[in-house]
Amino acid sequence: MDYTKRFLSFLIDEIIFSVMSIVLMLILSHIGILKENFNFSIIGPIIFWSLFIFKDLKGKSFGKSIFKLQIVDCQTKKTASSLKCVLRNLFYILGIFDLIFMCYHSQGRRLGDYIVGTKVIKL
C-alpha cells in the first residue's frame, strides 16, 4: 500500500472537516445556540471528531475518493459496512500508536482496521 496516498487522503479529510467544524460553530454561534462566552476550544474538537468519525460511511471519504482508495471488509472483500467504518475511525483517538501499528503491520493496516476486520485497498 502506498502510504503517501493514504497520508494525503487523510490530510485532505482533516482540512475539509476542520473547515466544516469552523463553519458549523460560526453558524451555531450566529443563530444563538452557542453563546459568546462558551468555550470554543471544547466544542470545536467535539464537532470536528463527531464529523471525522463518520467520514467513511460508504467505505471511502472525499480524500480516499481522490486517490482511488476504498475500505473493504477483509472477509468478504466488499465495501466495508458503515458500522465497520465508524468503528475503525474511533481508533484515530490513539494517534501516533495507531500510525506506528500501521507502519509495522505486514499489510499496512491500522489498529482500527485490524480490530474491526477491514483494510484500505487501491481501486
PDB file of N, CA and C in Angstrom:
ATOM      1  N   MET A   1       0.856  -1.194   0.000  1.00  0.00           N
ATOM      2  CA  MET A   1       0.000   0.000   0.000  1.00  0.00           C
ATOM      3  C   MET A   1       0.887   1.238   0.000  1.00  0.00           C
ATOM      4  N   ASP A   2       0.526   2.198  -0.792  1.00  0.00           N
ATOM      5  CA  ASP A   2       1.253   3.457  -0.877  1.00  0.00           C
ATOM      6  C   ASP A   2       0.821   4.357   0.288  1.00  0.00           C
ATOM      7  N   TYR A   3       1.725   4.511   1.257  1.00  0.00           N
ATOM      8  CA  TYR A   3       1.403   5.317   2.437  1.00  0.00           C
ATOM      9  C   TYR A   3       1.246   6.797   2.103  1.00  0.00           C
ATOM     10  N   THR A   4       1.895   7.252   1.040  1.00  0.00           N
ATOM     11  CA  THR A   4       1.783   8.658   0.642  1.00  0.00           C
ATOM     12  C   THR A   4       0.344   8.993   0.285  1.00  0.00           C
ATOM     13  N   LYS A   5      -0.311   8.136  -0.482  1.00  0.00           N
ATOM     14  CA  LYS A   5      -1.710   8.374  -0.868  1.00  0.00           C
ATOM     15  C   LYS A   5      -2.624   8.327   0.354  1.00  0.00           C
ATOM     16  N   ARG A   6      -2.359   7.409   1.252  1.00  0.00           N
ATOM     17  CA  ARG A   6      -3.182   7.335   2.466  1.00  0.00           C
ATOM     18  C   ARG A   6      -3.005   8.581   3.312  1.00  0.00           C
ATOM     19  N   PHE A   7      -1.751   9.038   3.449  1.00  0.00           N
ATOM     20  CA  PHE A   7      -1.489  10.239   4.239  1.00  0.00           C
ATOM     21  C   PHE A   7      -2.145  11.463   3.604  1.00  0.00           C
ATOM     22  N   LEU A   8      -1.994  11.621   2.285  1.00  0.00           N
ATOM     23  CA  LEU A   8      -2.579  12.769   1.609  1.00  0.00           C
ATOM     24  C   LEU A   8      -4.106  12.744   1.675  1.00  0.00           C
ATOM     25  N   SER A   9      -4.701  11.557   1.566  1.00  0.00           N
ATOM     26  CA  SER A   9      -6.164  11.475   1.668  1.00  0.00           C
ATOM     27  C   SER A   9      -6.605  11.858   3.083  1.00  0.00           C
ATOM     28  N   PHE A  10      -5.829  11.427   4.086  1.00  0.00           N
ATOM     29  CA  PHE A  10      -6.110  11.789   5.476  1.00  0.00           C
ATOM     30  C   PHE A  10      -5.996  13.300   5.660  1.00  0.00           C
ATOM     31  N   LEU A  11      -4.952  13.894   5.088  1.00  0.00           N
ATOM     32  CA  LEU A  11      -4.735  15.327   5.211  1.00  0.00           C
ATOM     33  C   LEU A  11      -5.870  16.114   4.556  1.00  0.00           C
ATOM     34  N   ILE A  12      -6.296  15.696   3.385  1.00  0.00           N
ATOM     35  CA  ILE A  12      -7.428  16.343   2.710  1.00  0.00           C
ATOM     36  C   ILE A  12      -8.676  16.272   3.585  1.00  0.00           C
ATOM     37  N   ASP A  13      -8.939  15.090   4.157  1.00  0.00           N
ATOM     38  CA  ASP A  13     -10.105  14.935   5.035  1.00  0.00           C
ATOM     39  C   ASP A  13      -9.990  15.826   6.271  1.00  0.00           C
ATOM     40  N   GLU A  14      -8.792  15.918   6.843  1.00  0.00           N
ATOM     41  CA  GLU A  14      -8.570  16.777   8.010  1.00  0.00           C
ATOM     42  C   GLU A  14      -8.919  18.226   7.680  1.00  0.00           C
ATOM     43  N   ILE A  15      -8.456  18.702   6.539  1.00  0.00           N
ATOM     44  CA  ILE A  15      -8.710  20.089   6.140  1.00  0.00           C
ATOM     45  C   ILE A  15     -10.206  20.312   5.926  1.00  0.00           C
ATOM     46  N   ILE A  16     -10.838  19.403   5.214  1.00  0.00           N
ATOM     47  CA  ILE A  16     -12.276  19.530   4.948  1.00  0.00           C
ATOM     48  C   ILE A  16     -13.074  19.566   6.241  1.00  0.00           C
ATOM     49  N   PHE A  17     -12.782  18.652   7.155  1.00  0.00           N
ATOM     50  CA  PHE A  17     -13.565  18.594   8.391  1.00  0.00           C
ATOM     51  C   PHE A  17     -13.212  19.703   9.361  1.00  0.00           C
ATOM     52  N   SER A  18     -12.010  20.252   9.267  1.00  0.00           N
ATOM     53  CA  SER A  18     -11.664  21.428  10.075  1.00  0.00           C
ATOM     54  C   SER A  18     -12.484  22.628   9.617  1.00  0.00           C
ATOM     55  N   VAL A  19     -12.530  22.833   8.307  1.00  0.00           N
ATOM     56  CA  VAL A  19     -13.315  23.944   7.762  1.00  0.00           C
ATOM     57  C   VAL A  19     -14.800  23.757   8.086  1.00  0.00           C
ATOM     58  N   MET A  20     -15.297  22.530   7.905  1.00  0.00           N
ATOM     59  CA  MET A  20     -16.706  22.257   8.221  1.00  0.00           C
ATOM     60  C   MET A  20     -17.006  22.535   9.694  1.00  0.00           C
ATOM     61  N   SER A  21     -16.094  22.165  10.572  1.00  0.00           N
ATOM     62  CA  SER A  21     -16.284  22.391  12.011  1.00  0.00           C
ATOM     63  C   SER A  21     -16.338  23.873  12.333  1.00  0.00           C
ATOM     64  N   ILE A  22     -15.441  24.639  11.732  1.00  0.00           N
ATOM     65  CA  ILE A  22     -15.417  26.084  11.977  1.00  0.00           C
ATOM     66  C   ILE A  22     -16.703  26.729  11.467  1.00  0.00           C
ATOM     67  N   VAL A  23     -17.119  26.358  10.262  1.00  0.00           N
ATOM     68  CA  VAL A  23     -18.351  26.912   9.694  1.00  0.00           C
ATOM     69  C   VAL A  23     -19.553  26.545  10.571  1.00  0.00           C
ATOM     70  N   LEU A  24     -19.623  25.297  10.993  1.00  0.00           N
ATOM     71  CA  LEU A  24     -20.732  24.862  11.851  1.00  0.00           C
ATOM     72  C   LEU A  24     -20.740  25.617  13.177  1.00  0.00           C
ATOM     73  N   MET A  25     -19.565  25.822  13.761  1.00  0.00           N
ATOM     74  CA  MET A  25     -19.505  26.579  15.018  1.00  0.00           C
ATOM     75  C   MET A  25     -19.944  28.024  14.809  1.00  0.00           C
ATOM     76  N   LEU A  26     -19.546  28.629  13.692  1.00  0.00           N
ATOM     77  CA  LEU A  26     -19.958  30.005  13.412  1.00  0.00           C
ATOM     78  C   LEU A  26     -21.468  30.095  13.204  1.00  0.00           C
ATOM     79  N   ILE A  27     -22.026  29.125  12.508  1.00  0.00           N
ATOM     80  CA  ILE A  27     -23.483  29.108  12.297  1.00  0.00           C
ATOM     81  C   ILE A  27     -24.208  28.950  13.628  1.00  0.00           C
ATOM     82  N   LEU A  28     -23.762  27.998  14.450  1.00  0.00           N
ATOM     83  CA  LEU A  28     -24.394  27.775  15.754  1.00  0.00           C
ATOM     84  C   LEU A  28     -24.265  29.002  16.648  1.00  0.00           C
ATOM     85  N   SER A  29     -23.150  29.687  16.553  1.00  0.00           N
ATOM     86  CA  SER A  29     -22.950  30.909  17.324  1.00  0.00           C
ATOM     87  C   SER A  29     -23.857  32.026  16.812  1.00  0.00           C
ATOM     88  N   HIS A  30     -23.949  32.138  15.492  1.00  0.00           N
ATOM     89  CA  HIS A  30     -24.758  33.192  14.878  1.00  0.00           C
ATOM     90  C   HIS A  30     -26.246  33.046  15.196  1.00  0.00           C
ATOM     91  N   ILE A  31     -26.747  31.815  15.208  1.00  0.00           N
ATOM     92  CA  ILE A  31     -28.182  31.632  15.489  1.00  0.00           C
ATOM     93  C   ILE A  31     -28.469  31.549  16.988  1.00  0.00           C
ATOM     94  N   GLY A  32     -27.425  31.654  17.804  1.00  0.00           N
ATOM     95  CA  GLY A  32     -27.627  31.753  19.243  1.00  0.00           C
ATOM     96  C   GLY A  32     -27.568  30.451  20.011  1.00  0.00           C
ATOM     97  N   ILE A  33     -27.272  29.343  19.356  1.00  0.00           N
ATOM     98  CA  ILE A  33     -27.179  28.071  20.075  1.00  0.00           C
ATOM     99  C   ILE A  33     -25.909  28.042  20.925  1.00  0.00           C
ATOM    100  N   LEU A  34     -24.825  28.569  20.382  1.00  0.00           N
ATOM    101  CA  LEU A  34     -23.587  28.719  21.152  1.00  0.00           C
ATOM    102  C   LEU A  34     -23.485  30.165  21.593  1.00  0.00           C
ATOM    103  N   LYS A  35     -23.299  30.374  22.866  1.00  0.00           N
ATOM    104  CA  LYS A  35     -23.181  31.725  23.398  1.00  0.00           C
ATOM    105  C   LYS A  35     -21.745  32.216  23.253  1.00  0.00           C
ATOM    106  N   GLU A  36     -21.597  33.549  23.249  1.00  0.00           N
ATOM    107  CA  GLU A  36     -20.273  34.126  23.078  1.00  0.00           C
ATOM    108  C   GLU A  36     -19.299  33.671  24.152  1.00  0.00           C
ATOM    109  N   ASN A  37     -19.774  33.469  25.359  1.00  0.00           N
ATOM    110  CA  ASN A  37     -18.874  33.079  26.443  1.00  0.00           C
ATOM    111  C   ASN A  37     -18.635  31.565  26.483  1.00  0.00           C
ATOM    112  N   PHE A  38     -19.222  30.832  25.548  1.00  0.00           N
ATOM    113  CA  PHE A  38     -18.999  29.381  25.501  1.00  0.00           C
ATOM    114  C   PHE A  38     -17.581  29.106  25.040  1.00  0.00           C
ATOM    115  N   ASN A  39     -16.955  28.118  25.634  1.00  0.00           N
ATOM    116  CA  ASN A  39     -15.564  27.817  25.324  1.00  0.00           C
ATOM    117  C   ASN A  39     -15.465  27.038  24.011  1.00  0.00           C
ATOM    118  N   PHE A  40     -15.080  27.741  22.937  1.00  0.00           N
ATOM    119  CA  PHE A  40     -14.975  27.123  21.617  1.00  0.00           C
ATOM    120  C   PHE A  40     -13.869  26.082  21.554  1.00  0.00           C
ATOM    121  N   SER A  41     -12.911  26.163  22.477  1.00  0.00           N
ATOM    122  CA  SER A  41     -11.835  25.168  22.468  1.00  0.00           C
ATOM    123  C   SER A  41     -12.338  23.796  22.913  1.00  0.00           C
ATOM    124  N   ILE A  42     -13.509  23.754  23.509  1.00  0.00           N
ATOM    125  CA  ILE A  42     -14.108  22.473  23.907  1.00  0.00           C
ATOM    126  C   ILE A  42     -15.050  21.969  22.814  1.00  0.00           C
ATOM    127  N   ILE A  43     -15.940  22.830  22.355  1.00  0.00           N
ATOM    128  CA  ILE A  43     -16.944  22.391  21.380  1.00  0.00           C
ATOM    129  C   ILE A  43     -16.333  22.155  20.003  1.00  0.00           C
ATOM    130  N   GLY A  44     -15.291  22.903  19.635  1.00  0.00           N
ATOM    131  CA  GLY A  44     -14.650  22.734  18.333  1.00  0.00           C
ATOM    132  C   GLY A  44     -14.165  21.314  18.093  1.00  0.00           C
ATOM    133  N   PRO A  45     -13.316  20.782  18.990  1.00  0.00           N
ATOM    134  CA  PRO A  45     -12.859  19.399  18.809  1.00  0.00           C
ATOM    135  C   PRO A  45     -13.993  18.373  18.852  1.00  0.00           C
ATOM    136  N   ILE A  46     -15.011  18.624  19.651  1.00  0.00           N
ATOM    137  CA  ILE A  46     -16.138  17.695  19.712  1.00  0.00           C
ATOM    138  C   ILE A  46     -16.853  17.651  18.357  1.00  0.00           C
ATOM    139  N   ILE A  47     -17.092  18.823  17.767  1.00  0.00           N
ATOM    140  CA  ILE A  47     -17.736  18.868  16.454  1.00  0.00           C
ATOM    141  C   ILE A  47     -16.843  18.214  15.413  1.00  0.00           C
ATOM    142  N   PHE A  48     -15.537  18.562  15.424  1.00  0.00           N
ATOM    143  CA  PHE A  48     -14.607  18.006  14.449  1.00  0.00           C
ATOM    144  C   PHE A  48     -14.585  16.487  14.518  1.00  0.00           C
ATOM    145  N   TRP A  49     -14.372  15.918  15.696  1.00  0.00           N
ATOM    146  CA  TRP A  49     -14.266  14.456  15.817  1.00  0.00           C
ATOM    147  C   TRP A  49     -15.586  13.768  15.527  1.00  0.00           C
ATOM    148  N   SER A  50     -16.705  14.430  15.854  1.00  0.00           N
ATOM    149  CA  SER A  50     -18.004  13.848  15.517  1.00  0.00           C
ATOM    150  C   SER A  50     -18.159  13.720  14.008  1.00  0.00           C
ATOM    151  N   LEU A  51     -17.739  14.733  13.273  1.00  0.00           N
ATOM    152  CA  LEU A  51     -17.789  14.674  11.813  1.00  0.00           C
ATOM    153  C   LEU A  51     -16.764  13.673  11.277  1.00  0.00           C
ATOM    154  N   PHE A  52     -15.553  13.714  11.821  1.00  0.00           N
ATOM    155  CA  PHE A  52     -14.455  12.911  11.303  1.00  0.00           C
ATOM    156  C   PHE A  52     -14.689  11.413  11.479  1.00  0.00           C
ATOM    157  N   ILE A  53     -15.295  11.030  12.575  1.00  0.00           N
ATOM    158  CA  ILE A  53     -15.559   9.608  12.836  1.00  0.00           C
ATOM    159  C   ILE A  53     -16.497   9.033  11.778  1.00  0.00           C
ATOM    160  N   PHE A  54     -17.411   9.846  11.260  1.00  0.00           N
ATOM    161  CA  PHE A  54     -18.398   9.377  10.290  1.00  0.00           C
ATOM    162  C   PHE A  54     -17.997   9.650   8.838  1.00  0.00           C
ATOM    163  N   LYS A  55     -16.734   9.960   8.577  1.00  0.00           N
ATOM    164  CA  LYS A  55     -16.302  10.373   7.242  1.00  0.00           C
ATOM    165  C   LYS A  55     -16.308   9.274   6.200  1.00  0.00           C
ATOM    166  N   ASP A  56     -16.217   8.024   6.595  1.00  0.00           N
ATOM    167  CA  ASP A  56     -16.081   6.909   5.648  1.00  0.00           C
ATOM    168  C   ASP A  56     -17.343   6.060   5.529  1.00  0.00           C
ATOM    169  N   LEU A  57     -18.505   6.639   5.700  1.00  0.00           N
ATOM    170  CA  LEU A  57     -19.725   5.839   5.786  1.00  0.00           C
ATOM    171  C   LEU A  57     -19.962   4.916   4.596  1.00  0.00           C
ATOM    172  N   LYS A  58     -19.520   5.277   3.433  1.00  0.00           N
ATOM    173  CA  LYS A  58     -19.722   4.428   2.252  1.00  0.00           C
ATOM    174  C   LYS A  58     -18.424   3.742   1.838  1.00  0.00           C
ATOM    175  N   GLY A  59     -17.524   3.562   2.799  1.00  0.00           N
ATOM    176  CA  GLY A  59     -16.270   2.876   2.520  1.00  0.00           C
ATOM    177  C   GLY A  59     -15.169   3.770   2.009  1.00  0.00           C
ATOM    178  N   LYS A  60     -15.472   5.042   1.817  1.00  0.00           N
ATOM    179  CA  LYS A  60     -14.424   5.980   1.434  1.00  0.00           C
ATOM    180  C   LYS A  60     -14.847   7.395   1.760  1.00  0.00           C
ATOM    181  N   SER A  61     -13.856   8.212   2.014  1.00  0.00           N
ATOM    182  CA  SER A  61     -14.076   9.621   2.288  1.00  0.00           C
ATOM    183  C   SER A  61     -13.775  10.408   1.013  1.00  0.00           C
ATOM    184  N   PHE A  62     -13.883  11.720   1.092  1.00  0.00           N
ATOM    185  CA  PHE A  62     -13.561  12.551  -0.063  1.00  0.00           C
ATOM    186  C   PHE A  62     -12.092  12.365  -0.447  1.00  0.00           C
ATOM    187  N   GLY A  63     -11.206  12.362   0.550  1.00  0.00           N
ATOM    188  CA  GLY A  63      -9.789  12.169   0.287  1.00  0.00           C
ATOM    189  C   GLY A  63      -9.487  10.815  -0.339  1.00  0.00           C
ATOM    190  N   LYS A  64     -10.116   9.784   0.161  1.00  0.00           N
ATOM    191  CA  LYS A  64      -9.916   8.446  -0.402  1.00  0.00           C
ATOM    192  C   LYS A  64     -10.444   8.377  -1.838  1.00  0.00           C
ATOM    193  N   SER A  65     -11.534   9.066  -2.113  1.00  0.00           N
ATOM    194  CA  SER A  65     -12.080   9.083  -3.473  1.00  0.00           C
ATOM    195  C   SER A  65     -11.093   9.701  -4.458  1.00  0.00           C
ATOM    196  N   ILE A  66     -10.454  10.775  -4.056  1.00  0.00           N
ATOM    197  CA  ILE A  66      -9.477  11.446  -4.919  1.00  0.00           C
ATOM    198  C   ILE A  66      -8.344  10.495  -5.289  1.00  0.00           C
ATOM    199  N   PHE A  67      -7.874   9.722  -4.304  1.00  0.00           N
ATOM    200  CA  PHE A  67      -6.730   8.838  -4.539  1.00  0.00           C
ATOM    201  C   PHE A  67      -7.137   7.406  -4.874  1.00  0.00           C
ATOM    202  N   LYS A  68      -8.439   7.218  -5.139  1.00  0.00           N
ATOM    203  CA  LYS A  68      -8.966   5.912  -5.540  1.00  0.00           C
ATOM    204  C   LYS A  68      -8.626   4.816  -4.528  1.00  0.00           C
ATOM    205  N   LEU A  69      -8.936   5.123  -3.254  1.00  0.00           N
ATOM    206  CA  LEU A  69      -8.761   4.163  -2.171  1.00  0.00           C
ATOM    207  C   LEU A  69     -10.131   3.763  -1.646  1.00  0.00           C
ATOM    208  N   GLN A  70     -10.241   2.580  -1.103  1.00  0.00           N
ATOM    209  CA  GLN A  70     -11.521   2.050  -0.629  1.00  0.00           C
ATOM    210  C   GLN A  70     -11.276   1.234   0.630  1.00  0.00           C
ATOM    211  N   ILE A  71     -12.185   1.327   1.584  1.00  0.00           N
ATOM    212  CA  ILE A  71     -12.138   0.482   2.776  1.00  0.00           C
ATOM    213  C   ILE A  71     -12.987  -0.742   2.490  1.00  0.00           C
ATOM    214  N   VAL A  72     -12.385  -1.924   2.630  1.00  0.00           N
ATOM    215  CA  VAL A  72     -13.111  -3.160   2.365  1.00  0.00           C
ATOM    216  C   VAL A  72     -13.078  -4.063   3.584  1.00  0.00           C
ATOM    217  N   ASP A  73     -14.071  -4.932   3.658  1.00  0.00           N
ATOM    218  CA  ASP A  73     -14.132  -5.969   4.676  1.00  0.00           C
ATOM    219  C   ASP A  73     -13.110  -7.040   4.301  1.00  0.00           C
ATOM    220  N   CYS A  74     -12.280  -7.453   5.227  1.00  0.00           N
ATOM    221  CA  CYS A  74     -11.226  -8.438   4.932  1.00  0.00           C
ATOM    222  C   CYS A  74     -11.785  -9.802   4.534  1.00  0.00           C
ATOM    223  N   GLN A  75     -12.945 -10.166   5.060  1.00  0.00           N
ATOM    224  CA  GLN A  75     -13.507 -11.481   4.752  1.00  0.00           C
ATOM    225  C   GLN A  75     -14.245 -11.496   3.429  1.00  0.00           C
ATOM    226  N   THR A  76     -15.101 -10.499   3.214  1.00  0.00           N
ATOM    227  CA  THR A  76     -15.949 -10.508   2.015  1.00  0.00           C
ATOM    228  C   THR A  76     -15.286  -9.817   0.820  1.00  0.00           C
ATOM    229  N   LYS A  77     -14.275  -9.002   1.082  1.00  0.00           N
ATOM    230  CA  LYS A  77     -13.588  -8.214   0.045  1.00  0.00           C
ATOM    231  C   LYS A  77     -14.507  -7.177  -0.602  1.00  0.00           C
ATOM    232  N   LYS A  78     -15.663  -6.935   0.015  1.00  0.00           N
ATOM    233  CA  LYS A  78     -16.610  -5.927  -0.468  1.00  0.00           C
ATOM    234  C   LYS A  78     -16.468  -4.674   0.385  1.00  0.00           C
ATOM    235  N   THR A  79     -17.048  -3.582  -0.087  1.00  0.00           N
ATOM    236  CA  THR A  79     -17.007  -2.330   0.658  1.00  0.00           C
ATOM    237  C   THR A  79     -17.445  -2.574   2.101  1.00  0.00           C
ATOM    238  N   ALA A  80     -16.664  -2.068   3.030  1.00  0.00           N
ATOM    239  CA  ALA A  80     -16.963  -2.258   4.455  1.00  0.00           C
ATOM    240  C   ALA A  80     -18.271  -1.559   4.802  1.00  0.00           C
ATOM    241  N   SER A  81     -18.985  -2.137   5.751  1.00  0.00           N
ATOM    242  CA  SER A  81     -20.252  -1.555   6.196  1.00  0.00           C
ATOM    243  C   SER A  81     -20.002  -0.218   6.887  1.00  0.00           C
ATOM    244  N   SER A  82     -21.038   0.597   6.945  1.00  0.00           N
ATOM    245  CA  SER A  82     -20.929   1.893   7.617  1.00  0.00           C
ATOM    246  C   SER A  82     -20.524   1.719   9.073  1.00  0.00           C
ATOM    247  N   LEU A  83     -21.075   0.709   9.737  1.00  0.00           N
ATOM    248  CA  LEU A  83     -20.734   0.457  11.142  1.00  0.00           C
ATOM    249  C   LEU A  83     -19.246   0.149  11.286  1.00  0.00           C
ATOM    250  N   LYS A  84     -18.709  -0.709  10.428  1.00  0.00           N
ATOM    251  CA  LYS A  84     -17.284  -1.036  10.497  1.00  0.00           C
ATOM    252  C   LYS A  84     -16.426   0.201  10.234  1.00  0.00           C
ATOM    253  N   CYS A  85     -16.859   1.036   9.306  1.00  0.00           N
ATOM    254  CA  CYS A  85     -16.100   2.250   9.005  1.00  0.00           C
ATOM    255  C   CYS A  85     -16.075   3.202  10.197  1.00  0.00           C
ATOM    256  N   VAL A  86     -17.203   3.358  10.865  1.00  0.00           N
ATOM    257  CA  VAL A  86     -17.257   4.217  12.048  1.00  0.00           C
ATOM    258  C   VAL A  86     -16.396   3.631  13.163  1.00  0.00           C
ATOM    259  N   LEU A  87     -16.523   2.340  13.405  1.00  0.00           N
ATOM    260  CA  LEU A  87     -15.743   1.708  14.474  1.00  0.00           C
ATOM    261  C   LEU A  87     -14.246   1.821  14.227  1.00  0.00           C
ATOM    262  N   ARG A  88     -13.806   1.638  12.989  1.00  0.00           N
ATOM    263  CA  ARG A  88     -12.373   1.736  12.688  1.00  0.00           C
ATOM    264  C   ARG A  88     -11.866   3.154  12.917  1.00  0.00           C
ATOM    265  N   ASN A  89     -12.723   4.149  12.634  1.00  0.00           N
ATOM    266  CA  ASN A  89     -12.312   5.533  12.816  1.00  0.00           C
ATOM    267  C   ASN A  89     -12.230   5.946  14.277  1.00  0.00           C
ATOM    268  N   LEU A  90     -12.903   5.233  15.160  1.00  0.00           N
ATOM    269  CA  LEU A  90     -12.791   5.531  16.588  1.00  0.00           C
ATOM    270  C   LEU A  90     -11.354   5.365  17.075  1.00  0.00           C
ATOM    271  N   PHE A  91     -10.578   4.549  16.397  1.00  0.00           N
ATOM    272  CA  PHE A  91      -9.208   4.288  16.817  1.00  0.00           C
ATOM    273  C   PHE A  91      -8.253   5.420  16.457  1.00  0.00           C
ATOM    274  N   TYR A  92      -8.721   6.415  15.714  1.00  0.00           N
ATOM    275  CA  TYR A  92      -7.890   7.591  15.450  1.00  0.00           C
ATOM    276  C   TYR A  92      -7.508   8.277  16.750  1.00  0.00           C
ATOM    277  N   ILE A  93      -8.312   8.081  17.769  1.00  0.00           N
ATOM    278  CA  ILE A  93      -8.034   8.722  19.057  1.00  0.00           C
ATOM    279  C   ILE A  93      -6.695   8.259  19.639  1.00  0.00           C
ATOM    280  N   LEU A  94      -6.204   7.104  19.198  1.00  0.00           N
ATOM    281  CA  LEU A  94      -4.922   6.596  19.687  1.00  0.00           C
ATOM    282  C   LEU A  94      -3.739   7.299  19.035  1.00  0.00           C
ATOM    283  N   GLY A  95      -4.008   8.107  18.016  1.00  0.00           N
ATOM    284  CA  GLY A  95      -2.994   8.938  17.390  1.00  0.00           C
ATOM    285  C   GLY A  95      -1.769   8.192  16.905  1.00  0.00           C
ATOM    286  N   ILE A  96      -0.631   8.534  17.461  1.00  0.00           N
ATOM    287  CA  ILE A  96       0.651   8.008  16.992  1.00  0.00           C
ATOM    288  C   ILE A  96       0.745   6.495  17.143  1.00  0.00           C
ATOM    289  N   PHE A  97       0.086   5.931  18.136  1.00  0.00           N
ATOM    290  CA  PHE A  97       0.124   4.470  18.323  1.00  0.00           C
ATOM    291  C   PHE A  97      -0.546   3.750  17.151  1.00  0.00           C
ATOM    292  N   ASP A  98      -1.628   4.340  16.671  1.00  0.00           N
ATOM    293  CA  ASP A  98      -2.325   3.786  15.518  1.00  0.00           C
ATOM    294  C   ASP A  98      -1.439   3.869  14.276  1.00  0.00           C
ATOM    295  N   LEU A  99      -0.735   4.976  14.125  1.00  0.00           N
ATOM    296  CA  LEU A  99       0.178   5.164  12.992  1.00  0.00           C
ATOM    297  C   LEU A  99       1.350   4.182  13.052  1.00  0.00           C
ATOM    298  N   ILE A 100       1.928   4.021  14.227  1.00  0.00           N
ATOM    299  CA  ILE A 100       3.045   3.076  14.389  1.00  0.00           C
ATOM    300  C   ILE A 100       2.591   1.661  14.070  1.00  0.00           C
ATOM    301  N   PHE A 101       1.403   1.288  14.539  1.00  0.00           N
ATOM    302  CA  PHE A 101       0.862  -0.036  14.245  1.00  0.00           C
ATOM    303  C   PHE A 101       0.757  -0.238  12.735  1.00  0.00           C
ATOM    304  N   MET A 102       0.252   0.785  12.025  1.00  0.00           N
ATOM    305  CA  MET A 102       0.095   0.693  10.577  1.00  0.00           C
ATOM    306  C   MET A 102       1.451   0.523   9.892  1.00  0.00           C
ATOM    307  N   CYS A 103       2.443   1.252  10.346  1.00  0.00           N
ATOM    308  CA  CYS A 103       3.770   1.188   9.719  1.00  0.00           C
ATOM    309  C   CYS A 103       4.426  -0.173   9.905  1.00  0.00           C
ATOM    310  N   TYR A 104       4.123  -0.851  10.994  1.00  0.00           N
ATOM    311  CA  TYR A 104       4.751  -2.137  11.263  1.00  0.00           C
ATOM    312  C   TYR A 104       3.883  -3.342  10.913  1.00  0.00           C
ATOM    313  N   HIS A 105       2.626  -3.108  10.560  1.00  0.00           N
ATOM    314  CA  HIS A 105       1.756  -4.214  10.177  1.00  0.00           C
ATOM    315  C   HIS A 105       2.138  -4.670   8.766  1.00  0.00           C
ATOM    316  N   SER A 106       2.188  -5.967   8.558  1.00  0.00           N
ATOM    317  CA  SER A 106       2.651  -6.501   7.267  1.00  0.00           C
ATOM    318  C   SER A 106       1.785  -6.052   6.088  1.00  0.00           C
ATOM    319  N   GLN A 107       0.507  -5.767   6.327  1.00  0.00           N
ATOM    320  CA  GLN A 107      -0.384  -5.320   5.248  1.00  0.00           C
ATOM    321  C   GLN A 107      -0.676  -3.826   5.320  1.00  0.00           C
ATOM    322  N   GLY A 108      -0.011  -3.119   6.233  1.00  0.00           N
ATOM    323  CA  GLY A 108      -0.220  -1.679   6.358  1.00  0.00           C
ATOM    324  C   GLY A 108      -1.573  -1.304   6.936  1.00  0.00           C
ATOM    325  N   ARG A 109      -2.141  -2.188   7.730  1.00  0.00           N
ATOM    326  CA  ARG A 109      -3.450  -1.910   8.327  1.00  0.00           C
ATOM    327  C   ARG A 109      -3.279  -1.157   9.642  1.00  0.00           C
ATOM    328  N   ARG A 110      -4.178  -0.205   9.890  1.00  0.00           N
ATOM    329  CA  ARG A 110      -4.205   0.496  11.174  1.00  0.00           C
ATOM    330  C   ARG A 110      -4.764  -0.442  12.233  1.00  0.00           C
ATOM    331  N   LEU A 111      -4.586  -0.076  13.487  1.00  0.00           N
ATOM    332  CA  LEU A 111      -5.125  -0.876  14.580  1.00  0.00           C
ATOM    333  C   LEU A 111      -6.645  -0.989  14.455  1.00  0.00           C
ATOM    334  N   GLY A 112      -7.296   0.112  14.087  1.00  0.00           N
ATOM    335  CA  GLY A 112      -8.745   0.091  13.879  1.00  0.00           C
ATOM    336  C   GLY A 112      -9.148  -0.883  12.790  1.00  0.00           C
ATOM    337  N   ASP A 113      -8.374  -0.926  11.710  1.00  0.00           N
ATOM    338  CA  ASP A 113      -8.634  -1.887  10.634  1.00  0.00           C
ATOM    339  C   ASP A 113      -8.480  -3.315  11.142  1.00  0.00           C
ATOM    340  N   TYR A 114      -7.417  -3.554  11.871  1.00  0.00           N
ATOM    341  CA  TYR A 114      -7.119  -4.896  12.369  1.00  0.00           C
ATOM    342  C   TYR A 114      -8.224  -5.409  13.303  1.00  0.00           C
ATOM    343  N   ILE A 115      -8.649  -4.585  14.225  1.00  0.00           N
ATOM    344  CA  ILE A 115      -9.661  -4.997  15.206  1.00  0.00           C
ATOM    345  C   ILE A 115     -11.032  -5.175  14.560  1.00  0.00           C
ATOM    346  N   VAL A 116     -11.392  -4.295  13.640  1.00  0.00           N
ATOM    347  CA  VAL A 116     -12.720  -4.331  13.022  1.00  0.00           C
ATOM    348  C   VAL A 116     -12.775  -5.306  11.833  1.00  0.00           C
ATOM    349  N   GLY A 117     -11.606  -5.624  11.271  1.00  0.00           N
ATOM    350  CA  GLY A 117     -11.583  -6.554  10.148  1.00  0.00           C
ATOM    351  C   GLY A 117     -11.722  -5.892   8.794  1.00  0.00           C
ATOM    352  N   THR A 118     -11.078  -4.724   8.660  1.00  0.00           N
ATOM    353  CA  THR A 118     -11.122  -4.004   7.397  1.00  0.00           C
ATOM    354  C   THR A 118      -9.696  -3.723   6.915  1.00  0.00           C
ATOM    355  N   LYS A 119      -9.592  -3.266   5.673  1.00  0.00           N
ATOM    356  CA  LYS A 119      -8.314  -2.796   5.153  1.00  0.00           C
ATOM    357  C   LYS A 119      -8.593  -1.788   4.050  1.00  0.00           C
ATOM    358  N   VAL A 120      -7.593  -0.981   3.753  1.00  0.00           N
ATOM    359  CA  VAL A 120      -7.701   0.017   2.681  1.00  0.00           C
ATOM    360  C   VAL A 120      -7.008  -0.556   1.460  1.00  0.00           C
ATOM    361  N   ILE A 121      -7.714  -0.519   0.327  1.00  0.00           N
ATOM    362  CA  ILE A 121      -7.145  -1.028  -0.928  1.00  0.00           C
ATOM    363  C   ILE A 121      -7.156   0.069  -1.982  1.00  0.00           C
ATOM    364  N   LYS A 122      -6.361  -0.107  -3.000  1.00  0.00           N
ATOM    365  CA  LYS A 122      -6.370   0.791  -4.163  1.00  0.00           C
ATOM    366  C   LYS A 122      -7.360   0.206  -5.180  1.00  0.00           C
ATOM    367  N   LEU A 123      -8.219   1.059  -5.693  1.00  0.00           N
ATOM    368  CA  LEU A 123      -9.194   0.621  -6.698  1.00  0.00           C
ATOM    369  C   LEU A 123      -8.571   0.553  -8.076  1.00  0.00           C
TER     370      LEU A 123
END
